Amino acid sequence: MNYTNKKDLQDNFHNWGPTIVRNKVLYKIKHLCTTIINYATANYNIDNWPTSLEYDLSLVEGIEKGIIKYDENITKHEMVTCNEIYKRYNTLTKGG
């Protein structure tokens, strides 16, 4: 796209801003799902996951579905919850 002035550039940035943020959030959500699944497969049989692990994965997948299917924004509470879940499974995956 060819920008003729600063206003055109700013208008285009504001149009792309929410998309960039949404994509970053989705990338982090997918990474969180992968982290949980890696932890689960390293420590449990597929048919014997603890209820808490299944709950965490289901919660994260629900947030992802809300963003993709219903175009919802992630809430501050959901962000904090995802960070806590990530710390839990990332630390456990690393053996700490």
PDB file of N, CA and C in Angstrom:
ATOM      1  N   MET A   1       0.837  -1.175   0.000  1.00  0.00           N
ATOM      2  CA  MET A   1       0.000   0.000   0.000  1.00  0.00           C
ATOM      3  C   MET A   1       0.881   1.237   0.000  1.00  0.00           C
ATOM      4  N   ASN A   2       0.479   2.211  -0.760  1.00  0.00           N
ATOM      5  CA  ASN A   2       1.235   3.451  -0.864  1.00  0.00           C
ATOM      6  C   ASN A   2       0.559   4.518  -0.001  1.00  0.00           C
ATOM      7  N   TYR A   3       1.293   5.029   0.970  1.00  0.00           N
ATOM      8  CA  TYR A   3       0.748   6.050   1.867  1.00  0.00           C
ATOM      9  C   TYR A   3       1.131   7.431   1.355  1.00  0.00           C
ATOM     10  N   THR A   4       0.115   8.290   1.262  1.00  0.00           N
ATOM     11  CA  THR A   4       0.360   9.629   0.746  1.00  0.00           C
ATOM     12  C   THR A   4       0.663  10.623   1.854  1.00  0.00           C
ATOM     13  N   ASN A   5       0.225  10.307   3.059  1.00  0.00           N
ATOM     14  CA  ASN A   5       0.509  11.210   4.168  1.00  0.00           C
ATOM     15  C   ASN A   5       0.491  10.440   5.493  1.00  0.00           C
ATOM     16  N   LYS A   6       0.840  11.150   6.535  1.00  0.00           N
ATOM     17  CA  LYS A   6       0.930  10.537   7.856  1.00  0.00           C
ATOM     18  C   LYS A   6      -0.440  10.019   8.323  1.00  0.00           C
ATOM     19  N   LYS A   7      -1.494  10.731   7.988  1.00  0.00           N
ATOM     20  CA  LYS A   7      -2.842  10.321   8.393  1.00  0.00           C
ATOM     21  C   LYS A   7      -3.205   8.964   7.799  1.00  0.00           C
ATOM     22  N   ASP A   8      -2.886   8.737   6.521  1.00  0.00           N
ATOM     23  CA  ASP A   8      -3.156   7.440   5.897  1.00  0.00           C
ATOM     24  C   ASP A   8      -2.412   6.321   6.628  1.00  0.00           C
ATOM     25  N   LEU A   9      -1.172   6.579   6.956  1.00  0.00           N
ATOM     26  CA  LEU A   9      -0.365   5.593   7.666  1.00  0.00           C
ATOM     27  C   LEU A   9      -0.969   5.295   9.037  1.00  0.00           C
ATOM     28  N   GLN A  10      -1.359   6.330   9.775  1.00  0.00           N
ATOM     29  CA  GLN A  10      -1.957   6.144  11.098  1.00  0.00           C
ATOM     30  C   GLN A  10      -3.284   5.399  11.008  1.00  0.00           C
ATOM     31  N   ASP A  11      -4.107   5.744  10.039  1.00  0.00           N
ATOM     32  CA  ASP A  11      -5.393   5.060   9.882  1.00  0.00           C
ATOM     33  C   ASP A  11      -5.190   3.576   9.601  1.00  0.00           C
ATOM     34  N   ASN A  12      -4.239   3.261   8.750  1.00  0.00           N
ATOM     35  CA  ASN A  12      -3.982   1.862   8.443  1.00  0.00           C
ATOM     36  C   ASN A  12      -3.439   1.124   9.670  1.00  0.00           C
ATOM     37  N   PHE A  13      -2.576   1.756  10.437  1.00  0.00           N
ATOM     38  CA  PHE A  13      -2.030   1.128  11.641  1.00  0.00           C
ATOM     39  C   PHE A  13      -3.154   0.806  12.624  1.00  0.00           C
ATOM     40  N   HIS A  14      -4.083   1.737  12.808  1.00  0.00           N
ATOM     41  CA  HIS A  14      -5.186   1.503  13.739  1.00  0.00           C
ATOM     42  C   HIS A  14      -6.080   0.364  13.258  1.00  0.00           C
ATOM     43  N   ASN A  15      -6.189   0.175  11.975  1.00  0.00           N
ATOM     44  CA  ASN A  15      -6.970  -0.947  11.450  1.00  0.00           C
ATOM     45  C   ASN A  15      -6.272  -2.283  11.699  1.00  0.00           C
ATOM     46  N   TRP A  16      -4.956  -2.297  11.633  1.00  0.00           N
ATOM     47  CA  TRP A  16      -4.207  -3.540  11.814  1.00  0.00           C
ATOM     48  C   TRP A  16      -3.876  -3.814  13.271  1.00  0.00           C
ATOM     49  N   GLY A  17      -3.858  -2.782  14.110  1.00  0.00           N
ATOM     50  CA  GLY A  17      -3.495  -2.949  15.510  1.00  0.00           C
ATOM     51  C   GLY A  17      -4.229  -4.069  16.218  1.00  0.00           C
ATOM     52  N   PRO A  18      -5.576  -4.099  16.187  1.00  0.00           N
ATOM     53  CA  PRO A  18      -6.300  -5.172  16.868  1.00  0.00           C
ATOM     54  C   PRO A  18      -5.996  -6.554  16.305  1.00  0.00           C
ATOM     55  N   THR A  19      -5.757  -6.645  14.999  1.00  0.00           N
ATOM     56  CA  THR A  19      -5.429  -7.928  14.383  1.00  0.00           C
ATOM     57  C   THR A  19      -4.085  -8.437  14.875  1.00  0.00           C
ATOM     58  N   ILE A  20      -3.124  -7.550  14.999  1.00  0.00           N
ATOM     59  CA  ILE A  20      -1.796  -7.942  15.479  1.00  0.00           C
ATOM     60  C   ILE A  20      -1.889  -8.435  16.918  1.00  0.00           C
ATOM     61  N   VAL A  21      -2.613  -7.723  17.761  1.00  0.00           N
ATOM     62  CA  VAL A  21      -2.778  -8.127  19.158  1.00  0.00           C
ATOM     63  C   VAL A  21      -3.492  -9.473  19.232  1.00  0.00           C
ATOM     64  N   ARG A  22      -4.539  -9.641  18.453  1.00  0.00           N
ATOM     65  CA  ARG A  22      -5.300 -10.901  18.439  1.00  0.00           C
ATOM     66  C   ARG A  22      -4.403 -12.062  18.029  1.00  0.00           C
ATOM     67  N   ASN A  23      -3.587 -11.864  17.011  1.00  0.00           N
ATOM     68  CA  ASN A  23      -2.698 -12.931  16.557  1.00  0.00           C
ATOM     69  C   ASN A  23      -1.658 -13.272  17.614  1.00  0.00           C
ATOM     70  N   LYS A  24      -1.150 -12.278  18.336  1.00  0.00           N
ATOM     71  CA  LYS A  24      -0.190 -12.540  19.409  1.00  0.00           C
ATOM     72  C   LYS A  24      -0.838 -13.357  20.521  1.00  0.00           C
ATOM     73  N   VAL A  25      -2.062 -12.995  20.869  1.00  0.00           N
ATOM     74  CA  VAL A  25      -2.779 -13.725  21.916  1.00  0.00           C
ATOM     75  C   VAL A  25      -3.024 -15.161  21.478  1.00  0.00           C
ATOM     76  N   LEU A  26      -3.461 -15.354  20.242  1.00  0.00           N
ATOM     77  CA  LEU A  26      -3.711 -16.712  19.744  1.00  0.00           C
ATOM     78  C   LEU A  26      -2.426 -17.535  19.704  1.00  0.00           C
ATOM     79  N   TYR A  27      -1.325 -16.917  19.328  1.00  0.00           N
ATOM     80  CA  TYR A  27      -0.036 -17.615  19.322  1.00  0.00           C
ATOM     81  C   TYR A  27       0.307 -18.095  20.738  1.00  0.00           C
ATOM     82  N   LYS A  28       0.107 -17.230  21.716  1.00  0.00           N
ATOM     83  CA  LYS A  28       0.424 -17.589  23.101  1.00  0.00           C
ATOM     84  C   LYS A  28      -0.522 -18.665  23.626  1.00  0.00           C
ATOM     85  N   ILE A  29      -1.792 -18.607  23.238  1.00  0.00           N
ATOM     86  CA  ILE A  29      -2.768 -19.613  23.655  1.00  0.00           C
ATOM     87  C   ILE A  29      -2.380 -20.975  23.068  1.00  0.00           C
ATOM     88  N   LYS A  30      -2.019 -21.000  21.793  1.00  0.00           N
ATOM     89  CA  LYS A  30      -1.605 -22.259  21.168  1.00  0.00           C
ATOM     90  C   LYS A  30      -0.335 -22.801  21.828  1.00  0.00           C
ATOM     91  N   HIS A  31       0.582 -21.920  22.167  1.00  0.00           N
ATOM     92  CA  HIS A  31       1.808 -22.329  22.856  1.00  0.00           C
ATOM     93  C   HIS A  31       1.466 -22.918  24.228  1.00  0.00           C
ATOM     94  N   LEU A  32       0.505 -22.316  24.917  1.00  0.00           N
ATOM     95  CA  LEU A  32       0.082 -22.819  26.214  1.00  0.00           C
ATOM     96  C   LEU A  32      -0.537 -24.210  26.079  1.00  0.00           C
ATOM     97  N   CYS A  33      -1.386 -24.408  25.088  1.00  0.00           N
ATOM     98  CA  CYS A  33      -1.964 -25.736  24.846  1.00  0.00           C
ATOM     99  C   CYS A  33      -0.872 -26.767  24.586  1.00  0.00           C
ATOM    100  N   THR A  34       0.102 -26.397  23.777  1.00  0.00           N
ATOM    101  CA  THR A  34       1.223 -27.306  23.484  1.00  0.00           C
ATOM    102  C   THR A  34       2.012 -27.627  24.745  1.00  0.00           C
ATOM    103  N   THR A  35       2.236 -26.636  25.586  1.00  0.00           N
ATOM    104  CA  THR A  35       2.967 -26.847  26.839  1.00  0.00           C
ATOM    105  C   THR A  35       2.220 -27.830  27.734  1.00  0.00           C
ATOM    106  N   ILE A  36       0.907 -27.664  27.862  1.00  0.00           N
ATOM    107  CA  ILE A  36       0.106 -28.574  28.687  1.00  0.00           C
ATOM    108  C   ILE A  36       0.151 -29.987  28.114  1.00  0.00           C
ATOM    109  N   ILE A  37      -0.027 -30.115  26.815  1.00  0.00           N
ATOM    110  CA  ILE A  37      -0.032 -31.429  26.173  1.00  0.00           C
ATOM    111  C   ILE A  37       1.337 -32.093  26.289  1.00  0.00           C
ATOM    112  N   ASN A  38       2.408 -31.336  26.118  1.00  0.00           N
ATOM    113  CA  ASN A  38       3.749 -31.905  26.277  1.00  0.00           C
ATOM    114  C   ASN A  38       3.960 -32.424  27.692  1.00  0.00           C
ATOM    115  N   TYR A  39       3.506 -31.657  28.667  1.00  0.00           N
ATOM    116  CA  TYR A  39       3.612 -32.091  30.062  1.00  0.00           C
ATOM    117  C   TYR A  39       2.807 -33.374  30.270  1.00  0.00           C
ATOM    118  N   ALA A  40       1.584 -33.383  29.766  1.00  0.00           N
ATOM    119  CA  ALA A  40       0.697 -34.532  29.960  1.00  0.00           C
ATOM    120  C   ALA A  40       1.255 -35.801  29.320  1.00  0.00           C
ATOM    121  N   THR A  41       1.739 -35.680  28.100  1.00  0.00           N
ATOM    122  CA  THR A  41       2.250 -36.868  27.415  1.00  0.00           C
ATOM    123  C   THR A  41       3.553 -37.373  28.030  1.00  0.00           C
ATOM    124  N   ALA A  42       4.303 -36.473  28.643  1.00  0.00           N
ATOM    125  CA  ALA A  42       5.554 -36.886  29.284  1.00  0.00           C
ATOM    126  C   ALA A  42       5.310 -37.571  30.624  1.00  0.00           C
ATOM    127  N   ASN A  43       4.158 -37.310  31.238  1.00  0.00           N
ATOM    128  CA  ASN A  43       3.936 -37.796  32.597  1.00  0.00           C
ATOM    129  C   ASN A  43       2.755 -38.747  32.780  1.00  0.00           C
ATOM    130  N   TYR A  44       1.870 -38.863  31.793  1.00  0.00           N
ATOM    131  CA  TYR A  44       0.671 -39.681  31.953  1.00  0.00           C
ATOM    132  C   TYR A  44       0.337 -40.411  30.663  1.00  0.00           C
ATOM    133  N   ASN A  45      -0.430 -41.505  30.812  1.00  0.00           N
ATOM    134  CA  ASN A  45      -1.031 -42.156  29.655  1.00  0.00           C
ATOM    135  C   ASN A  45      -2.186 -41.282  29.183  1.00  0.00           C
ATOM    136  N   ILE A  46      -2.485 -41.351  27.910  1.00  0.00           N
ATOM    137  CA  ILE A  46      -3.512 -40.492  27.317  1.00  0.00           C
ATOM    138  C   ILE A  46      -4.867 -40.695  27.989  1.00  0.00           C
ATOM    139  N   ASP A  47      -5.151 -41.888  28.479  1.00  0.00           N
ATOM    140  CA  ASP A  47      -6.448 -42.169  29.083  1.00  0.00           C
ATOM    141  C   ASP A  47      -6.443 -42.001  30.607  1.00  0.00           C
ATOM    142  N   ASN A  48      -5.356 -41.441  31.144  1.00  0.00           N
ATOM    143  CA  ASN A  48      -5.229 -41.341  32.597  1.00  0.00           C
ATOM    144  C   ASN A  48      -4.734 -39.959  33.037  1.00  0.00           C
ATOM    145  N   TRP A  49      -5.201 -38.916  32.366  1.00  0.00           N
ATOM    146  CA  TRP A  49      -4.806 -37.563  32.753  1.00  0.00           C
ATOM    147  C   TRP A  49      -5.564 -37.158  34.012  1.00  0.00           C
ATOM    148  N   PRO A  50      -4.917 -36.438  34.918  1.00  0.00           N
ATOM    149  CA  PRO A  50      -5.630 -35.938  36.095  1.00  0.00           C
ATOM    150  C   PRO A  50      -6.737 -34.957  35.687  1.00  0.00           C
ATOM    151  N   THR A  51      -7.770 -34.913  36.489  1.00  0.00           N
ATOM    152  CA  THR A  51      -8.901 -34.033  36.219  1.00  0.00           C
ATOM    153  C   THR A  51      -8.456 -32.575  36.130  1.00  0.00           C
ATOM    154  N   SER A  52      -7.528 -32.179  36.993  1.00  0.00           N
ATOM    155  CA  SER A  52      -7.066 -30.783  36.988  1.00  0.00           C
ATOM    156  C   SER A  52      -6.386 -30.426  35.666  1.00  0.00           C
ATOM    157  N   LEU A  53      -5.636 -31.357  35.118  1.00  0.00           N
ATOM    158  CA  LEU A  53      -4.959 -31.120  33.842  1.00  0.00           C
ATOM    159  C   LEU A  53      -5.988 -31.005  32.715  1.00  0.00           C
ATOM    160  N   GLU A  54      -6.954 -31.909  32.712  1.00  0.00           N
ATOM    161  CA  GLU A  54      -8.009 -31.847  31.696  1.00  0.00           C
ATOM    162  C   GLU A  54      -8.794 -30.537  31.805  1.00  0.00           C
ATOM    163  N   TYR A  55      -9.053 -30.107  33.032  1.00  0.00           N
ATOM    164  CA  TYR A  55      -9.772 -28.858  33.261  1.00  0.00           C
ATOM    165  C   TYR A  55      -8.979 -27.668  32.713  1.00  0.00           C
ATOM    166  N   ASP A  56      -7.678 -27.626  33.020  1.00  0.00           N
ATOM    167  CA  ASP A  56      -6.834 -26.525  32.543  1.00  0.00           C
ATOM    168  C   ASP A  56      -6.813 -26.469  31.021  1.00  0.00           C
ATOM    169  N   LEU A  57      -6.644 -27.616  30.387  1.00  0.00           N
ATOM    170  CA  LEU A  57      -6.596 -27.657  28.921  1.00  0.00           C
ATOM    171  C   LEU A  57      -7.949 -27.233  28.344  1.00  0.00           C
ATOM    172  N   SER A  58      -9.027 -27.705  28.924  1.00  0.00           N
ATOM    173  CA  SER A  58     -10.362 -27.349  28.458  1.00  0.00           C
ATOM    174  C   SER A  58     -10.615 -25.844  28.595  1.00  0.00           C
ATOM    175  N   LEU A  59     -10.176 -25.272  29.699  1.00  0.00           N
ATOM    176  CA  LEU A  59     -10.338 -23.845  29.923  1.00  0.00           C
ATOM    177  C   LEU A  59      -9.588 -23.035  28.863  1.00  0.00           C
ATOM    178  N   VAL A  60      -8.353 -23.413  28.588  1.00  0.00           N
ATOM    179  CA  VAL A  60      -7.542 -22.699  27.600  1.00  0.00           C
ATOM    180  C   VAL A  60      -8.139 -22.854  26.201  1.00  0.00           C
ATOM    181  N   GLU A  61      -8.591 -24.067  25.885  1.00  0.00           N
ATOM    182  CA  GLU A  61      -9.221 -24.276  24.577  1.00  0.00           C
ATOM    183  C   GLU A  61     -10.523 -23.487  24.450  1.00  0.00           C
ATOM    184  N   GLY A  62     -11.239 -23.310  25.556  1.00  0.00           N
ATOM    185  CA  GLY A  62     -12.455 -22.497  25.545  1.00  0.00           C
ATOM    186  C   GLY A  62     -12.154 -21.027  25.266  1.00  0.00           C
ATOM    187  N   ILE A  63     -11.078 -20.538  25.853  1.00  0.00           N
ATOM    188  CA  ILE A  63     -10.659 -19.154  25.586  1.00  0.00           C
ATOM    189  C   ILE A  63     -10.297 -19.003  24.108  1.00  0.00           C
ATOM    190  N   GLU A  64      -9.553 -19.979  23.592  1.00  0.00           N
ATOM    191  CA  GLU A  64      -9.164 -19.956  22.179  1.00  0.00           C
ATOM    192  C   GLU A  64     -10.399 -19.964  21.276  1.00  0.00           C
ATOM    193  N   LYS A  65     -11.362 -20.808  21.600  1.00  0.00           N
ATOM    194  CA  LYS A  65     -12.594 -20.886  20.801  1.00  0.00           C
ATOM    195  C   LYS A  65     -13.348 -19.558  20.824  1.00  0.00           C
ATOM    196  N   GLY A  66     -13.399 -18.922  21.993  1.00  0.00           N
ATOM    197  CA  GLY A  66     -14.074 -17.633  22.096  1.00  0.00           C
ATOM    198  C   GLY A  66     -13.445 -16.574  21.207  1.00  0.00           C
ATOM    199  N   ILE A  67     -12.126 -16.609  21.135  1.00  0.00           N
ATOM    200  CA  ILE A  67     -11.414 -15.629  20.312  1.00  0.00           C
ATOM    201  C   ILE A  67     -11.639 -15.914  18.825  1.00  0.00           C
ATOM    202  N   ILE A  68     -11.492 -17.181  18.438  1.00  0.00           N
ATOM    203  CA  ILE A  68     -11.571 -17.531  17.017  1.00  0.00           C
ATOM    204  C   ILE A  68     -13.014 -17.524  16.506  1.00  0.00           C
ATOM    205  N   LYS A  69     -13.885 -18.244  17.204  1.00  0.00           N
ATOM    206  CA  LYS A  69     -15.242 -18.445  16.691  1.00  0.00           C
ATOM    207  C   LYS A  69     -16.167 -17.260  16.962  1.00  0.00           C
ATOM    208  N   TYR A  70     -16.018 -16.646  18.124  1.00  0.00           N
ATOM    209  CA  TYR A  70     -16.960 -15.602  18.516  1.00  0.00           C
ATOM    210  C   TYR A  70     -16.345 -14.201  18.525  1.00  0.00           C
ATOM    211  N   ASP A  71     -15.091 -14.098  18.129  1.00  0.00           N
ATOM    212  CA  ASP A  71     -14.391 -12.815  18.036  1.00  0.00           C
ATOM    213  C   ASP A  71     -14.404 -12.050  19.371  1.00  0.00           C
ATOM    214  N   GLU A  72     -14.271 -12.808  20.467  1.00  0.00           N
ATOM    215  CA  GLU A  72     -14.216 -12.199  21.795  1.00  0.00           C
ATOM    216  C   GLU A  72     -12.797 -11.756  22.104  1.00  0.00           C
ATOM    217  N   ASN A  73     -12.674 -10.764  22.944  1.00  0.00           N
ATOM    218  CA  ASN A  73     -11.365 -10.358  23.439  1.00  0.00           C
ATOM    219  C   ASN A  73     -11.050 -11.154  24.695  1.00  0.00           C
ATOM    220  N   ILE A  74      -9.778 -11.414  24.922  1.00  0.00           N
ATOM    221  CA  ILE A  74      -9.383 -12.086  26.145  1.00  0.00           C
ATOM    222  C   ILE A  74      -9.487 -11.080  27.293  1.00  0.00           C
ATOM    223  N   THR A  75     -10.031 -11.535  28.417  1.00  0.00           N
ATOM    224  CA  THR A  75     -10.183 -10.639  29.561  1.00  0.00           C
ATOM    225  C   THR A  75      -8.910 -10.647  30.403  1.00  0.00           C
ATOM    226  N   LYS A  76      -8.799  -9.656  31.259  1.00  0.00           N
ATOM    227  CA  LYS A  76      -7.643  -9.591  32.166  1.00  0.00           C
ATOM    228  C   LYS A  76      -7.603 -10.837  33.046  1.00  0.00           C
ATOM    229  N   HIS A  77      -8.746 -11.270  33.544  1.00  0.00           N
ATOM    230  CA  HIS A  77      -8.810 -12.472  34.381  1.00  0.00           C
ATOM    231  C   HIS A  77      -8.331 -13.702  33.610  1.00  0.00           C
ATOM    232  N   GLU A  78      -8.740 -13.829  32.362  1.00  0.00           N
ATOM    233  CA  GLU A  78      -8.302 -14.960  31.540  1.00  0.00           C
ATOM    234  C   GLU A  78      -6.793 -14.910  31.302  1.00  0.00           C
ATOM    235  N   MET A  79      -6.257 -13.699  31.097  1.00  0.00           N
ATOM    236  CA  MET A  79      -4.810 -13.561  30.911  1.00  0.00           C
ATOM    237  C   MET A  79      -4.053 -14.014  32.152  1.00  0.00           C
ATOM    238  N   VAL A  80      -4.517 -13.585  33.305  1.00  0.00           N
ATOM    239  CA  VAL A  80      -3.860 -13.965  34.563  1.00  0.00           C
ATOM    240  C   VAL A  80      -3.942 -15.479  34.759  1.00  0.00           C
ATOM    241  N   THR A  81      -5.105 -16.042  34.495  1.00  0.00           N
ATOM    242  CA  THR A  81      -5.285 -17.488  34.617  1.00  0.00           C
ATOM    243  C   THR A  81      -4.355 -18.240  33.675  1.00  0.00           C
ATOM    244  N   CYS A  82      -4.258 -17.799  32.429  1.00  0.00           N
ATOM    245  CA  CYS A  82      -3.368 -18.447  31.457  1.00  0.00           C
ATOM    246  C   CYS A  82      -1.908 -18.351  31.901  1.00  0.00           C
ATOM    247  N   ASN A  83      -1.513 -17.216  32.437  1.00  0.00           N
ATOM    248  CA  ASN A  83      -0.137 -17.061  32.925  1.00  0.00           C
ATOM    249  C   ASN A  83       0.139 -18.022  34.080  1.00  0.00           C
ATOM    250  N   GLU A  84      -0.812 -18.176  34.991  1.00  0.00           N
ATOM    251  CA  GLU A  84      -0.639 -19.099  36.112  1.00  0.00           C
ATOM    252  C   GLU A  84      -0.531 -20.542  35.612  1.00  0.00           C
ATOM    253  N   ILE A  85      -1.387 -20.894  34.669  1.00  0.00           N
ATOM    254  CA  ILE A  85      -1.351 -22.251  34.103  1.00  0.00           C
ATOM    255  C   ILE A  85      -0.024 -22.488  33.394  1.00  0.00           C
ATOM    256  N   TYR A  86       0.419 -21.501  32.615  1.00  0.00           N
ATOM    257  CA  TYR A  86       1.696 -21.653  31.905  1.00  0.00           C
ATOM    258  C   TYR A  86       2.848 -21.859  32.884  1.00  0.00           C
ATOM    259  N   LYS A  87       2.885 -21.061  33.935  1.00  0.00           N
ATOM    260  CA  LYS A  87       3.959 -21.200  34.926  1.00  0.00           C
ATOM    261  C   LYS A  87       3.927 -22.582  35.562  1.00  0.00           C
ATOM    262  N   ARG A  88       2.739 -23.073  35.853  1.00  0.00           N
ATOM    263  CA  ARG A  88       2.599 -24.391  36.471  1.00  0.00           C
ATOM    264  C   ARG A  88       3.171 -25.488  35.580  1.00  0.00           C
ATOM    265  N   TYR A  89       2.733 -25.550  34.339  1.00  0.00           N
ATOM    266  CA  TYR A  89       3.137 -26.646  33.461  1.00  0.00           C
ATOM    267  C   TYR A  89       4.511 -26.452  32.850  1.00  0.00           C
ATOM    268  N   ASN A  90       4.922 -25.218  32.623  1.00  0.00           N
ATOM    269  CA  ASN A  90       6.262 -24.967  32.100  1.00  0.00           C
ATOM    270  C   ASN A  90       7.315 -25.325  33.133  1.00  0.00           C
ATOM    271  N   THR A  91       7.072 -24.975  34.377  1.00  0.00           N
ATOM    272  CA  THR A  91       8.003 -25.317  35.470  1.00  0.00           C
ATOM    273  C   THR A  91       8.064 -26.832  35.647  1.00  0.00           C
ATOM    274  N   LEU A  92       6.910 -27.473  35.617  1.00  0.00           N
ATOM    275  CA  LEU A  92       6.870 -28.930  35.798  1.00  0.00           C
ATOM    276  C   LEU A  92       7.523 -29.649  34.629  1.00  0.00           C
ATOM    277  N   THR A  93       7.369 -29.090  33.417  1.00  0.00           N
ATOM    278  CA  THR A  93       7.989 -29.701  32.244  1.00  0.00           C
ATOM    279  C   THR A  93       9.499 -29.629  32.331  1.00  0.00           C
ATOM    280  N   LYS A  94      10.019 -28.532  32.880  1.00  0.00           N
ATOM    281  CA  LYS A  94      11.451 -28.356  32.990  1.00  0.00           C
ATOM    282  C   LYS A  94      12.047 -29.107  34.192  1.00  0.00           C
ATOM    283  N   GLY A  95      11.186 -29.739  34.969  1.00  0.00           N
ATOM    284  CA  GLY A  95      11.672 -30.515  36.093  1.00  0.00           C
ATOM    285  C   GLY A  95      11.878 -29.702  37.346  1.00  0.00           C
ATOM    286  N   GLY A  96      11.328 -28.494  37.430  1.00  0.00           N
ATOM    287  CA  GLY A  96      11.537 -27.640  38.586  1.00  0.00           C
ATOM    288  C   GLY A  96      10.360 -27.596  39.411  1.00  0.00           C
TER     289      GLY A  96
END
